């Protein structure tokens, strides 16, 4: 029931979006969570997309009362050609805890899938009464028109929320899988905005971040834009 409500809520808010929630998992031992200081990590070699994503997510979290720091301010001291060792990551976690961080939000691409659909033609037919000739007339372009098929790419991204609280074991709080449809066909800004907006909606509905309090119509208009 709860999952159905979440899906309906997302559908109402997202409208025409390039992103779609595929799966959302929440730690069953956690009812609510309020991140105090968050490190945002976008794990991608595309520095422009990474920076836009991290900054956008930072702004949304700050609007909801959390302090947020982008990974560019912390992780970029290491050479791009150097991988971090387990010992270095342990030291980083300890330093983050010492600096007051309690949460890490990590986002990465975990899969790419090529999709093909055919161009639909809507002539107002009721599919239940459609005859053979109607069906054939509508789709015979498959033989003659190279543009009959539409090829596009779907990127599967994963965002995970981790607690690094010193009083408990490091644990996964939430994990969400979000599909990004054909990001090359639109601006990085739109893709980032769609992704962040969807992730924030899910985190709010799961009670893992504070809700945004809207005080007036002007504020609402700014948020929508």
N, C-alpha and C. Protein backbone atom coordinates (compact mmCIF):
# COMPACT_ATOMS: atom_id res chain seq x y z
N UNK A 1 0.83 -1.20 0.00
CA UNK A 1 0.00 0.00 0.00
C UNK A 1 0.87 1.26 0.00
N UNK A 2 1.90 1.25 0.87
CA UNK A 2 2.79 2.40 0.96
C UNK A 2 3.52 2.63 -0.35
N UNK A 3 3.97 1.52 -0.98
CA UNK A 3 4.68 1.63 -2.25
C UNK A 3 3.78 2.21 -3.33
N UNK A 4 2.50 1.83 -3.32
CA UNK A 4 1.55 2.35 -4.31
C UNK A 4 1.35 3.84 -4.14
N UNK A 5 1.26 4.29 -2.89
CA UNK A 5 1.10 5.71 -2.62
C UNK A 5 2.32 6.48 -3.10
N UNK A 6 3.51 5.91 -2.88
CA UNK A 6 4.74 6.55 -3.32
C UNK A 6 4.77 6.70 -4.83
N UNK A 7 4.37 5.66 -5.55
CA UNK A 7 4.37 5.70 -7.02
C UNK A 7 3.38 6.75 -7.53
N UNK A 8 2.19 6.80 -6.92
CA UNK A 8 1.18 7.78 -7.33
C UNK A 8 1.68 9.20 -7.07
N UNK A 9 2.29 9.42 -5.92
CA UNK A 9 2.81 10.74 -5.57
C UNK A 9 3.87 11.18 -6.58
N UNK A 10 4.77 10.28 -6.93
CA UNK A 10 5.83 10.60 -7.88
C UNK A 10 5.23 10.93 -9.25
N UNK A 11 4.26 10.15 -9.67
CA UNK A 11 3.63 10.39 -10.98
C UNK A 11 2.98 11.76 -11.04
N UNK A 12 2.35 12.18 -9.96
CA UNK A 12 1.68 13.47 -9.91
C UNK A 12 2.69 14.62 -9.98
N UNK A 13 3.83 14.47 -9.32
CA UNK A 13 4.80 15.54 -9.25
C UNK A 13 5.70 15.62 -10.48
N UNK A 14 6.03 14.49 -11.08
CA UNK A 14 7.05 14.48 -12.12
C UNK A 14 6.53 14.91 -13.48
N UNK A 15 5.30 14.53 -13.83
CA UNK A 15 4.77 14.92 -15.12
C UNK A 15 5.66 14.41 -16.25
N UNK A 16 6.00 15.33 -17.17
CA UNK A 16 6.87 14.96 -18.31
C UNK A 16 8.32 15.06 -17.87
N UNK A 17 8.90 13.93 -17.54
CA UNK A 17 10.25 13.91 -17.01
C UNK A 17 11.09 12.88 -17.73
N UNK A 18 12.40 13.10 -17.74
CA UNK A 18 13.32 12.15 -18.37
C UNK A 18 13.73 11.04 -17.41
N UNK A 19 13.25 11.09 -16.18
CA UNK A 19 13.64 10.11 -15.17
C UNK A 19 12.44 9.34 -14.64
N UNK A 20 12.68 8.12 -14.23
CA UNK A 20 11.62 7.28 -13.70
C UNK A 20 12.18 6.38 -12.60
N UNK A 21 11.47 6.33 -11.47
CA UNK A 21 11.89 5.47 -10.37
C UNK A 21 11.60 4.02 -10.72
N UNK A 22 12.65 3.19 -10.68
CA UNK A 22 12.48 1.77 -10.97
C UNK A 22 12.30 0.97 -9.68
N UNK A 23 13.07 1.34 -8.66
CA UNK A 23 13.01 0.58 -7.41
C UNK A 23 13.49 1.45 -6.26
N UNK A 24 12.86 1.28 -5.10
CA UNK A 24 13.27 2.02 -3.91
C UNK A 24 13.29 1.07 -2.71
N UNK A 25 14.43 1.03 -2.01
CA UNK A 25 14.57 0.17 -0.85
C UNK A 25 14.94 1.02 0.36
N UNK A 26 14.27 0.79 1.48
CA UNK A 26 14.55 1.51 2.71
C UNK A 26 14.85 0.51 3.82
N UNK A 27 15.87 0.81 4.61
CA UNK A 27 16.23 -0.04 5.73
C UNK A 27 15.02 -0.22 6.65
N UNK A 28 14.52 -1.45 6.83
CA UNK A 28 13.30 -1.67 7.63
C UNK A 28 13.48 -1.32 9.11
N UNK A 29 14.73 -1.19 9.56
CA UNK A 29 14.98 -0.84 10.96
C UNK A 29 14.91 0.66 11.22
N UNK A 30 14.75 1.44 10.14
CA UNK A 30 14.72 2.90 10.27
C UNK A 30 13.36 3.44 9.85
N UNK A 31 12.72 4.16 10.76
CA UNK A 31 11.43 4.76 10.46
C UNK A 31 11.62 6.14 9.83
N UNK A 32 12.30 7.02 10.55
CA UNK A 32 12.59 8.36 10.04
C UNK A 32 14.07 8.65 10.24
N UNK A 33 14.56 9.59 9.45
CA UNK A 33 15.97 9.95 9.53
C UNK A 33 16.11 11.42 9.16
N UNK A 34 16.93 12.15 9.90
CA UNK A 34 17.16 13.56 9.63
C UNK A 34 18.66 13.81 9.47
N UNK A 35 19.14 13.86 8.25
CA UNK A 35 20.58 14.11 8.05
C UNK A 35 20.96 15.52 8.49
N UNK A 36 22.04 15.60 9.23
CA UNK A 36 22.50 16.91 9.71
C UNK A 36 23.52 17.51 8.75
N UNK A 37 24.57 16.74 8.45
CA UNK A 37 25.61 17.23 7.54
C UNK A 37 25.90 16.13 6.52
N UNK A 38 25.72 16.45 5.23
CA UNK A 38 25.74 15.45 4.17
C UNK A 38 26.88 15.70 3.19
N UNK A 39 27.61 14.64 2.85
CA UNK A 39 28.56 14.70 1.75
C UNK A 39 27.88 14.14 0.52
N UNK A 40 27.86 14.92 -0.55
CA UNK A 40 27.22 14.51 -1.80
C UNK A 40 28.29 14.08 -2.79
N UNK A 41 28.18 12.84 -3.27
CA UNK A 41 29.18 12.30 -4.20
C UNK A 41 28.50 11.83 -5.48
N UNK A 42 28.86 12.44 -6.60
CA UNK A 42 28.43 11.97 -7.91
C UNK A 42 29.60 11.25 -8.55
N UNK A 43 29.48 9.95 -8.69
CA UNK A 43 30.61 9.13 -9.17
C UNK A 43 30.53 9.04 -10.69
N UNK A 44 31.15 10.00 -11.37
CA UNK A 44 31.16 10.02 -12.83
C UNK A 44 32.41 10.76 -13.31
N UNK A 45 32.89 10.40 -14.49
CA UNK A 45 34.05 11.09 -15.07
C UNK A 45 33.65 12.37 -15.78
N UNK A 46 32.35 12.57 -15.98
CA UNK A 46 31.85 13.80 -16.62
C UNK A 46 31.81 14.90 -15.56
N UNK A 47 32.82 15.74 -15.55
CA UNK A 47 32.94 16.74 -14.48
C UNK A 47 31.82 17.78 -14.52
N UNK A 48 31.38 18.14 -15.71
CA UNK A 48 30.31 19.14 -15.83
C UNK A 48 29.02 18.60 -15.23
N UNK A 49 28.64 17.37 -15.62
CA UNK A 49 27.43 16.76 -15.09
C UNK A 49 27.55 16.53 -13.58
N UNK A 50 28.73 16.10 -13.16
CA UNK A 50 28.95 15.84 -11.73
C UNK A 50 28.76 17.11 -10.91
N UNK A 51 29.37 18.19 -11.37
CA UNK A 51 29.30 19.44 -10.61
C UNK A 51 27.87 19.98 -10.58
N UNK A 52 27.19 19.96 -11.72
CA UNK A 52 25.82 20.45 -11.75
C UNK A 52 24.92 19.62 -10.85
N UNK A 53 25.12 18.30 -10.89
CA UNK A 53 24.30 17.40 -10.07
C UNK A 53 24.54 17.65 -8.58
N UNK A 54 25.79 17.70 -8.18
CA UNK A 54 26.10 17.87 -6.77
C UNK A 54 25.62 19.22 -6.24
N UNK A 55 25.80 20.27 -7.02
CA UNK A 55 25.37 21.61 -6.59
C UNK A 55 23.85 21.68 -6.47
N UNK A 56 23.15 21.08 -7.45
CA UNK A 56 21.68 21.09 -7.41
C UNK A 56 21.15 20.33 -6.19
N UNK A 57 21.71 19.15 -5.93
CA UNK A 57 21.29 18.36 -4.78
C UNK A 57 21.63 19.08 -3.47
N UNK A 58 22.77 19.74 -3.43
CA UNK A 58 23.18 20.51 -2.26
C UNK A 58 22.13 21.58 -1.94
N UNK A 59 21.69 22.31 -2.97
CA UNK A 59 20.71 23.38 -2.76
C UNK A 59 19.39 22.82 -2.21
N UNK A 60 18.96 21.68 -2.77
CA UNK A 60 17.69 21.09 -2.34
C UNK A 60 17.78 20.62 -0.88
N UNK A 61 18.90 20.04 -0.49
CA UNK A 61 19.05 19.57 0.89
C UNK A 61 19.13 20.75 1.85
N UNK A 62 19.80 21.81 1.44
CA UNK A 62 19.90 22.99 2.30
C UNK A 62 18.55 23.65 2.51
N UNK A 63 17.70 23.59 1.48
CA UNK A 63 16.34 24.13 1.63
C UNK A 63 15.54 23.34 2.66
N UNK A 64 15.98 22.12 2.93
CA UNK A 64 15.28 21.25 3.88
C UNK A 64 16.02 21.12 5.22
N UNK A 65 16.93 22.06 5.47
CA UNK A 65 17.53 22.16 6.79
C UNK A 65 18.81 21.39 7.01
N UNK A 66 19.34 20.70 6.00
CA UNK A 66 20.59 19.96 6.16
C UNK A 66 21.75 20.78 5.64
N UNK A 67 22.91 20.62 6.27
CA UNK A 67 24.13 21.19 5.73
C UNK A 67 24.67 20.19 4.71
N UNK A 68 25.04 20.66 3.54
CA UNK A 68 25.48 19.75 2.48
C UNK A 68 26.77 20.26 1.86
N UNK A 69 27.71 19.35 1.63
CA UNK A 69 29.00 19.67 1.02
C UNK A 69 29.18 18.78 -0.20
N UNK A 70 29.62 19.38 -1.32
CA UNK A 70 29.82 18.61 -2.54
C UNK A 70 31.19 17.95 -2.52
N UNK A 71 31.32 16.83 -3.22
CA UNK A 71 32.57 16.07 -3.19
C UNK A 71 33.72 16.84 -3.86
N UNK A 72 33.39 17.79 -4.75
CA UNK A 72 34.43 18.59 -5.38
C UNK A 72 35.28 19.31 -4.33
N UNK A 73 34.67 19.65 -3.20
CA UNK A 73 35.38 20.38 -2.16
C UNK A 73 36.24 19.48 -1.28
N UNK A 74 36.04 18.16 -1.40
CA UNK A 74 36.74 17.24 -0.49
C UNK A 74 37.57 16.19 -1.24
N UNK A 75 37.01 15.61 -2.28
CA UNK A 75 37.65 14.47 -2.94
C UNK A 75 38.55 14.86 -4.10
N UNK A 76 38.50 16.09 -4.56
CA UNK A 76 39.26 16.48 -5.74
C UNK A 76 40.73 16.78 -5.46
N UNK A 77 41.16 16.58 -4.22
CA UNK A 77 42.57 16.78 -3.90
C UNK A 77 43.41 15.61 -4.41
N UNK A 78 42.73 14.49 -4.71
CA UNK A 78 43.43 13.31 -5.20
C UNK A 78 43.53 13.35 -6.72
N UNK A 79 44.66 12.93 -7.26
CA UNK A 79 44.85 12.91 -8.71
C UNK A 79 43.81 12.02 -9.37
N UNK A 80 43.35 12.42 -10.56
CA UNK A 80 42.33 11.64 -11.27
C UNK A 80 42.83 10.23 -11.61
N UNK A 81 44.15 10.07 -11.71
CA UNK A 81 44.68 8.76 -12.09
C UNK A 81 44.91 7.86 -10.89
N UNK A 82 44.70 8.37 -9.69
CA UNK A 82 44.94 7.60 -8.48
C UNK A 82 43.64 7.05 -7.91
N UNK A 83 43.63 5.76 -7.64
CA UNK A 83 42.49 5.16 -6.95
C UNK A 83 42.72 5.26 -5.45
N UNK A 84 41.63 5.40 -4.70
CA UNK A 84 41.75 5.46 -3.25
C UNK A 84 41.79 4.05 -2.69
N UNK A 85 42.70 3.81 -1.77
CA UNK A 85 42.81 2.50 -1.14
C UNK A 85 41.78 2.40 -0.01
N UNK A 86 41.59 1.18 0.49
CA UNK A 86 40.67 0.98 1.60
C UNK A 86 41.12 1.76 2.83
N UNK A 87 42.42 1.79 3.06
CA UNK A 87 42.95 2.53 4.20
C UNK A 87 42.66 4.03 4.06
N UNK A 88 42.80 4.55 2.85
CA UNK A 88 42.52 5.97 2.61
C UNK A 88 41.04 6.28 2.80
N UNK A 89 40.17 5.36 2.36
CA UNK A 89 38.73 5.57 2.54
C UNK A 89 38.34 5.51 4.01
N UNK A 90 38.98 4.61 4.77
CA UNK A 90 38.73 4.56 6.21
C UNK A 90 39.15 5.86 6.88
N UNK A 91 40.30 6.38 6.45
CA UNK A 91 40.78 7.65 7.00
C UNK A 91 39.84 8.79 6.62
N UNK A 92 39.33 8.75 5.38
CA UNK A 92 38.38 9.78 4.94
C UNK A 92 37.12 9.73 5.77
N UNK A 93 36.59 8.53 6.00
CA UNK A 93 35.37 8.40 6.82
C UNK A 93 35.59 8.93 8.23
N UNK A 94 36.71 8.60 8.81
CA UNK A 94 37.03 9.07 10.16
C UNK A 94 37.12 10.59 10.19
N UNK A 95 37.71 11.16 9.15
CA UNK A 95 37.83 12.61 9.08
C UNK A 95 36.47 13.26 8.91
N UNK A 96 35.60 12.64 8.10
CA UNK A 96 34.25 13.17 7.90
C UNK A 96 33.48 13.19 9.22
N UNK A 97 33.60 12.10 9.99
CA UNK A 97 32.93 12.03 11.29
C UNK A 97 33.48 13.11 12.22
N UNK A 98 34.79 13.28 12.20
CA UNK A 98 35.41 14.31 13.04
C UNK A 98 34.93 15.70 12.66
N UNK A 99 34.63 15.89 11.36
CA UNK A 99 34.17 17.19 10.87
C UNK A 99 32.66 17.37 11.00
N UNK A 100 31.99 16.39 11.61
CA UNK A 100 30.57 16.54 11.88
C UNK A 100 29.62 15.95 10.86
N UNK A 101 30.14 15.27 9.85
CA UNK A 101 29.27 14.63 8.86
C UNK A 101 28.58 13.41 9.49
N UNK A 102 27.34 13.19 9.11
CA UNK A 102 26.64 11.98 9.56
C UNK A 102 26.05 11.18 8.40
N UNK A 103 26.12 11.73 7.18
CA UNK A 103 25.45 11.10 6.03
C UNK A 103 26.27 11.27 4.76
N UNK A 104 26.25 10.24 3.92
CA UNK A 104 26.83 10.33 2.58
C UNK A 104 25.75 9.93 1.57
N UNK A 105 25.57 10.74 0.54
CA UNK A 105 24.67 10.41 -0.58
C UNK A 105 25.55 10.13 -1.80
N UNK A 106 25.55 8.88 -2.25
CA UNK A 106 26.41 8.46 -3.36
C UNK A 106 25.54 8.09 -4.56
N UNK A 107 25.85 8.70 -5.71
CA UNK A 107 25.11 8.40 -6.94
C UNK A 107 26.07 7.94 -8.02
N UNK A 108 25.68 6.88 -8.74
CA UNK A 108 26.52 6.37 -9.81
C UNK A 108 25.65 5.69 -10.87
N UNK A 109 26.18 5.57 -12.08
CA UNK A 109 25.53 4.84 -13.16
C UNK A 109 25.91 3.37 -13.03
N UNK A 110 24.91 2.50 -13.00
CA UNK A 110 25.19 1.07 -12.81
C UNK A 110 24.84 0.24 -14.05
N UNK A 111 24.25 0.86 -15.07
CA UNK A 111 23.91 0.10 -16.26
C UNK A 111 23.43 0.99 -17.39
N UNK A 112 23.60 0.50 -18.62
CA UNK A 112 23.13 1.20 -19.81
C UNK A 112 22.42 0.19 -20.69
N UNK A 113 21.25 0.58 -21.19
CA UNK A 113 20.47 -0.34 -22.02
C UNK A 113 19.96 0.39 -23.26
N UNK A 114 20.15 -0.23 -24.40
CA UNK A 114 19.65 0.33 -25.66
C UNK A 114 18.21 -0.15 -25.87
N UNK A 115 17.33 0.79 -26.18
CA UNK A 115 15.91 0.48 -26.37
C UNK A 115 15.46 0.83 -27.79
N UNK A 116 14.45 0.12 -28.28
CA UNK A 116 13.87 0.41 -29.59
C UNK A 116 12.36 0.35 -29.48
N UNK A 117 11.71 1.38 -29.97
CA UNK A 117 10.25 1.39 -30.04
C UNK A 117 9.83 1.77 -31.46
N UNK A 118 8.60 1.49 -31.81
CA UNK A 118 8.12 1.90 -33.12
C UNK A 118 7.31 3.18 -32.97
N UNK A 119 7.26 3.95 -34.06
CA UNK A 119 6.54 5.21 -34.06
C UNK A 119 5.04 4.91 -34.06
N UNK A 120 4.36 5.39 -33.05
CA UNK A 120 2.93 5.11 -32.93
C UNK A 120 2.11 6.14 -33.71
N UNK A 121 1.07 5.66 -34.33
CA UNK A 121 0.13 6.52 -35.04
C UNK A 121 -1.25 6.34 -34.43
N UNK A 122 -1.78 7.39 -33.91
CA UNK A 122 -3.08 7.32 -33.25
C UNK A 122 -4.15 7.90 -34.15
N UNK A 123 -4.95 7.03 -34.70
CA UNK A 123 -6.04 7.46 -35.59
C UNK A 123 -7.39 7.41 -34.90
N UNK A 124 -7.38 7.31 -33.61
CA UNK A 124 -8.63 7.30 -32.88
C UNK A 124 -9.34 5.98 -32.87
N UNK A 125 -8.65 4.90 -33.29
CA UNK A 125 -9.29 3.59 -33.32
C UNK A 125 -9.39 3.02 -31.91
N UNK A 126 -10.47 2.34 -31.65
CA UNK A 126 -10.59 1.54 -30.44
C UNK A 126 -9.89 0.22 -30.71
N UNK A 127 -8.84 -0.07 -29.93
CA UNK A 127 -8.04 -1.26 -30.21
C UNK A 127 -8.84 -2.55 -30.15
N UNK A 128 -9.90 -2.56 -29.37
CA UNK A 128 -10.70 -3.78 -29.24
C UNK A 128 -11.57 -4.04 -30.47
N UNK A 129 -11.77 -3.00 -31.28
CA UNK A 129 -12.60 -3.17 -32.49
C UNK A 129 -11.78 -3.04 -33.77
N UNK A 130 -10.47 -2.87 -33.61
CA UNK A 130 -9.60 -2.68 -34.77
C UNK A 130 -9.57 -3.94 -35.64
N UNK A 131 -9.63 -3.75 -36.95
CA UNK A 131 -9.60 -4.86 -37.90
C UNK A 131 -8.19 -5.04 -38.45
N UNK A 132 -8.00 -6.15 -39.15
CA UNK A 132 -6.69 -6.46 -39.70
C UNK A 132 -6.20 -5.34 -40.60
N UNK A 133 -7.04 -4.83 -41.50
CA UNK A 133 -6.60 -3.81 -42.44
C UNK A 133 -6.20 -2.52 -41.71
N UNK A 134 -6.91 -2.23 -40.60
CA UNK A 134 -6.56 -1.04 -39.82
C UNK A 134 -5.15 -1.17 -39.23
N UNK A 135 -4.91 -2.35 -38.67
CA UNK A 135 -3.60 -2.61 -38.04
C UNK A 135 -2.49 -2.55 -39.09
N UNK A 136 -2.76 -3.15 -40.26
CA UNK A 136 -1.74 -3.21 -41.30
C UNK A 136 -1.44 -1.81 -41.85
N UNK A 137 -2.50 -1.03 -42.10
CA UNK A 137 -2.31 0.32 -42.61
C UNK A 137 -1.51 1.20 -41.66
N UNK A 138 -1.73 1.01 -40.37
CA UNK A 138 -1.05 1.82 -39.37
C UNK A 138 0.43 1.50 -39.24
N UNK A 139 0.80 0.22 -39.49
CA UNK A 139 2.17 -0.19 -39.16
C UNK A 139 2.97 -0.73 -40.35
N UNK A 140 2.47 -0.57 -41.59
CA UNK A 140 3.20 -1.12 -42.72
C UNK A 140 4.48 -0.35 -43.02
N UNK A 141 4.66 0.81 -42.39
CA UNK A 141 5.91 1.55 -42.57
C UNK A 141 7.13 0.76 -42.12
N UNK A 142 6.89 -0.28 -41.35
CA UNK A 142 8.01 -1.10 -40.90
C UNK A 142 8.81 -1.63 -42.09
N UNK A 143 8.16 -1.77 -43.26
CA UNK A 143 8.82 -2.27 -44.46
C UNK A 143 9.54 -1.18 -45.24
N UNK A 144 9.02 0.06 -45.17
CA UNK A 144 9.46 1.08 -46.11
C UNK A 144 10.13 2.30 -45.46
N UNK A 145 9.89 2.54 -44.20
CA UNK A 145 10.34 3.78 -43.58
C UNK A 145 11.42 3.49 -42.52
N UNK A 146 12.66 3.92 -42.78
CA UNK A 146 13.73 3.67 -41.80
C UNK A 146 13.51 4.42 -40.49
N UNK A 147 12.66 5.46 -40.51
CA UNK A 147 12.38 6.23 -39.30
C UNK A 147 11.23 5.63 -38.49
N UNK A 148 10.77 4.45 -38.92
CA UNK A 148 9.65 3.83 -38.21
C UNK A 148 10.03 3.48 -36.78
N UNK A 149 11.28 3.10 -36.60
CA UNK A 149 11.75 2.73 -35.27
C UNK A 149 12.46 3.90 -34.60
N UNK A 150 12.28 3.98 -33.31
CA UNK A 150 12.93 5.00 -32.51
C UNK A 150 13.91 4.33 -31.55
N UNK A 151 15.19 4.62 -31.74
CA UNK A 151 16.23 4.04 -30.88
C UNK A 151 16.62 5.05 -29.81
N UNK A 152 16.72 4.60 -28.59
CA UNK A 152 17.13 5.50 -27.50
C UNK A 152 17.85 4.70 -26.43
N UNK A 153 18.52 5.43 -25.55
CA UNK A 153 19.34 4.81 -24.51
C UNK A 153 18.77 5.11 -23.14
N UNK A 154 18.75 4.10 -22.29
CA UNK A 154 18.30 4.27 -20.91
C UNK A 154 19.48 3.99 -19.98
N UNK A 155 19.81 4.98 -19.17
CA UNK A 155 20.86 4.83 -18.17
C UNK A 155 20.20 4.50 -16.83
N UNK A 156 20.71 3.48 -16.18
CA UNK A 156 20.21 3.10 -14.86
C UNK A 156 21.16 3.65 -13.81
N UNK A 157 20.65 4.58 -13.00
CA UNK A 157 21.46 5.19 -11.96
C UNK A 157 21.01 4.71 -10.59
N UNK A 158 21.94 4.73 -9.66
CA UNK A 158 21.67 4.28 -8.31
C UNK A 158 22.12 5.36 -7.33
N UNK A 159 21.22 5.76 -6.44
CA UNK A 159 21.57 6.69 -5.37
C UNK A 159 21.40 5.98 -4.04
N UNK A 160 22.44 6.04 -3.21
CA UNK A 160 22.43 5.37 -1.91
C UNK A 160 22.68 6.37 -0.81
N UNK A 161 21.96 6.22 0.30
CA UNK A 161 22.16 7.05 1.48
C UNK A 161 22.80 6.19 2.58
N UNK A 162 23.96 6.63 3.05
CA UNK A 162 24.68 5.90 4.09
C UNK A 162 24.79 6.75 5.35
N UNK A 163 24.60 6.11 6.49
CA UNK A 163 24.85 6.76 7.77
C UNK A 163 26.29 6.48 8.18
N UNK A 164 27.02 7.53 8.58
CA UNK A 164 28.37 7.33 9.10
C UNK A 164 28.44 7.85 10.54
N UNK A 165 27.34 7.64 11.25
CA UNK A 165 27.24 8.09 12.63
C UNK A 165 28.26 7.32 13.48
N UNK A 166 29.01 8.00 14.35
CA UNK A 166 30.06 7.34 15.14
C UNK A 166 29.52 6.38 16.19
N UNK A 167 28.25 6.52 16.56
CA UNK A 167 27.69 5.68 17.63
C UNK A 167 27.14 4.36 17.12
N UNK A 168 27.19 4.14 15.80
CA UNK A 168 26.65 2.90 15.25
C UNK A 168 27.48 2.46 14.06
N UNK A 169 27.26 1.23 13.63
CA UNK A 169 27.97 0.72 12.46
C UNK A 169 27.57 1.54 11.23
N UNK A 170 28.51 1.65 10.30
CA UNK A 170 28.18 2.31 9.04
C UNK A 170 27.11 1.47 8.36
N UNK A 171 26.00 2.12 7.98
CA UNK A 171 24.92 1.30 7.43
C UNK A 171 24.21 1.98 6.29
N UNK A 172 23.65 1.16 5.42
CA UNK A 172 22.85 1.64 4.31
C UNK A 172 21.46 1.98 4.80
N UNK A 173 21.03 3.19 4.55
CA UNK A 173 19.70 3.64 4.98
C UNK A 173 18.69 3.48 3.86
N UNK A 174 19.12 3.86 2.67
CA UNK A 174 18.18 3.84 1.53
C UNK A 174 18.97 3.67 0.23
N UNK A 175 18.33 3.00 -0.72
CA UNK A 175 18.89 2.83 -2.06
C UNK A 175 17.77 2.95 -3.07
N UNK A 176 17.97 3.79 -4.08
CA UNK A 176 16.97 3.96 -5.12
C UNK A 176 17.58 3.81 -6.49
N UNK A 177 16.87 3.12 -7.39
CA UNK A 177 17.30 2.98 -8.77
C UNK A 177 16.41 3.84 -9.66
N UNK A 178 17.03 4.72 -10.42
CA UNK A 178 16.29 5.67 -11.25
C UNK A 178 16.78 5.54 -12.69
N UNK A 179 15.84 5.36 -13.62
CA UNK A 179 16.18 5.28 -15.04
C UNK A 179 16.19 6.68 -15.65
N UNK A 180 17.22 6.96 -16.43
CA UNK A 180 17.33 8.23 -17.14
C UNK A 180 17.22 7.93 -18.63
N UNK A 181 16.18 8.45 -19.27
CA UNK A 181 15.91 8.13 -20.67
C UNK A 181 16.59 9.12 -21.60
N UNK A 182 17.46 8.59 -22.46
CA UNK A 182 18.09 9.34 -23.55
C UNK A 182 18.62 10.71 -23.12
N UNK A 183 19.54 10.76 -22.15
CA UNK A 183 20.03 12.04 -21.68
C UNK A 183 20.76 12.86 -22.75
N UNK A 184 21.28 12.17 -23.80
CA UNK A 184 22.00 12.91 -24.85
C UNK A 184 21.09 13.82 -25.65
N UNK A 185 19.77 13.53 -25.61
CA UNK A 185 18.83 14.30 -26.42
C UNK A 185 18.37 15.58 -25.72
N UNK A 186 18.85 15.84 -24.52
CA UNK A 186 18.42 17.02 -23.79
C UNK A 186 19.61 17.62 -23.05
N UNK A 187 19.40 18.78 -22.48
CA UNK A 187 20.50 19.46 -21.80
C UNK A 187 20.86 18.74 -20.50
N UNK A 188 22.12 18.91 -20.08
CA UNK A 188 22.55 18.35 -18.80
C UNK A 188 21.71 18.94 -17.67
N UNK A 189 21.40 20.22 -17.79
CA UNK A 189 20.63 20.89 -16.74
C UNK A 189 19.27 20.24 -16.53
N UNK A 190 18.57 19.93 -17.62
CA UNK A 190 17.24 19.30 -17.49
C UNK A 190 17.36 17.90 -16.90
N UNK A 191 18.33 17.13 -17.38
CA UNK A 191 18.52 15.78 -16.85
C UNK A 191 18.82 15.82 -15.36
N UNK A 192 19.72 16.72 -14.96
CA UNK A 192 20.08 16.86 -13.55
C UNK A 192 18.87 17.29 -12.73
N UNK A 193 18.14 18.28 -13.21
CA UNK A 193 16.97 18.77 -12.47
C UNK A 193 15.92 17.67 -12.30
N UNK A 194 15.68 16.91 -13.36
CA UNK A 194 14.69 15.82 -13.29
C UNK A 194 15.13 14.76 -12.28
N UNK A 195 16.41 14.41 -12.33
CA UNK A 195 16.92 13.36 -11.44
C UNK A 195 16.85 13.80 -9.97
N UNK A 196 17.36 14.99 -9.71
CA UNK A 196 17.39 15.48 -8.32
C UNK A 196 15.98 15.65 -7.78
N UNK A 197 15.08 16.18 -8.60
CA UNK A 197 13.71 16.38 -8.14
C UNK A 197 13.05 15.05 -7.76
N UNK A 198 13.29 14.02 -8.58
CA UNK A 198 12.71 12.71 -8.29
C UNK A 198 13.33 12.11 -7.03
N UNK A 199 14.65 12.19 -6.90
CA UNK A 199 15.32 11.64 -5.72
C UNK A 199 14.83 12.33 -4.44
N UNK A 200 14.66 13.63 -4.50
CA UNK A 200 14.20 14.39 -3.33
C UNK A 200 12.78 13.99 -2.94
N UNK A 201 11.92 13.82 -3.95
CA UNK A 201 10.53 13.41 -3.68
C UNK A 201 10.51 12.08 -2.96
N UNK A 202 11.31 11.12 -3.45
CA UNK A 202 11.34 9.79 -2.83
C UNK A 202 11.86 9.88 -1.40
N UNK A 203 12.94 10.61 -1.19
CA UNK A 203 13.50 10.73 0.15
C UNK A 203 12.52 11.39 1.13
N UNK A 204 11.77 12.37 0.63
CA UNK A 204 10.75 13.01 1.48
C UNK A 204 9.64 12.02 1.83
N UNK A 205 9.17 11.29 0.83
CA UNK A 205 8.09 10.34 1.06
C UNK A 205 8.52 9.20 1.99
N UNK A 206 9.81 8.87 1.97
CA UNK A 206 10.34 7.82 2.83
C UNK A 206 10.71 8.36 4.22
N UNK A 207 10.51 9.66 4.44
CA UNK A 207 10.82 10.33 5.72
C UNK A 207 12.31 10.21 6.06
N UNK A 208 13.15 10.42 5.04
CA UNK A 208 14.59 10.34 5.23
C UNK A 208 15.26 11.70 5.13
N UNK A 209 14.51 12.72 4.76
CA UNK A 209 14.95 14.11 4.83
C UNK A 209 13.75 14.93 5.30
N UNK A 210 14.03 16.11 5.81
CA UNK A 210 12.93 16.97 6.25
C UNK A 210 12.15 17.47 5.04
N UNK A 211 10.83 17.58 5.17
CA UNK A 211 10.04 18.13 4.06
C UNK A 211 10.30 19.61 3.88
N UNK A 212 10.08 20.08 2.68
CA UNK A 212 10.23 21.49 2.38
C UNK A 212 8.96 22.23 2.79
N UNK A 213 9.11 23.25 3.59
CA UNK A 213 7.96 24.04 4.02
C UNK A 213 7.79 25.20 3.06
N UNK A 214 6.65 25.24 2.38
CA UNK A 214 6.35 26.30 1.41
C UNK A 214 5.51 27.36 2.10
N UNK A 215 6.01 28.60 2.10
CA UNK A 215 5.33 29.66 2.83
C UNK A 215 4.38 30.48 1.97
N UNK A 216 4.66 30.58 0.67
CA UNK A 216 3.79 31.41 -0.17
C UNK A 216 3.85 30.96 -1.61
N UNK A 217 3.01 31.57 -2.45
CA UNK A 217 2.89 31.19 -3.84
C UNK A 217 4.18 31.49 -4.60
N UNK A 218 4.83 32.63 -4.27
CA UNK A 218 6.06 33.00 -4.96
C UNK A 218 7.14 31.95 -4.76
N UNK A 219 7.25 31.45 -3.52
CA UNK A 219 8.24 30.39 -3.24
C UNK A 219 7.94 29.15 -4.04
N UNK A 220 6.64 28.79 -4.12
CA UNK A 220 6.23 27.61 -4.88
C UNK A 220 6.63 27.72 -6.34
N UNK A 221 6.43 28.92 -6.92
CA UNK A 221 6.76 29.12 -8.32
C UNK A 221 8.25 28.97 -8.57
N UNK A 222 9.08 29.46 -7.62
CA UNK A 222 10.52 29.35 -7.77
C UNK A 222 10.97 27.91 -7.72
N UNK A 223 10.33 27.12 -6.83
CA UNK A 223 10.70 25.71 -6.68
C UNK A 223 10.35 24.94 -7.95
N UNK A 224 9.15 25.20 -8.49
CA UNK A 224 8.73 24.51 -9.71
C UNK A 224 9.65 24.81 -10.87
N UNK A 225 10.13 26.08 -10.96
CA UNK A 225 11.02 26.46 -12.04
C UNK A 225 12.37 25.80 -11.88
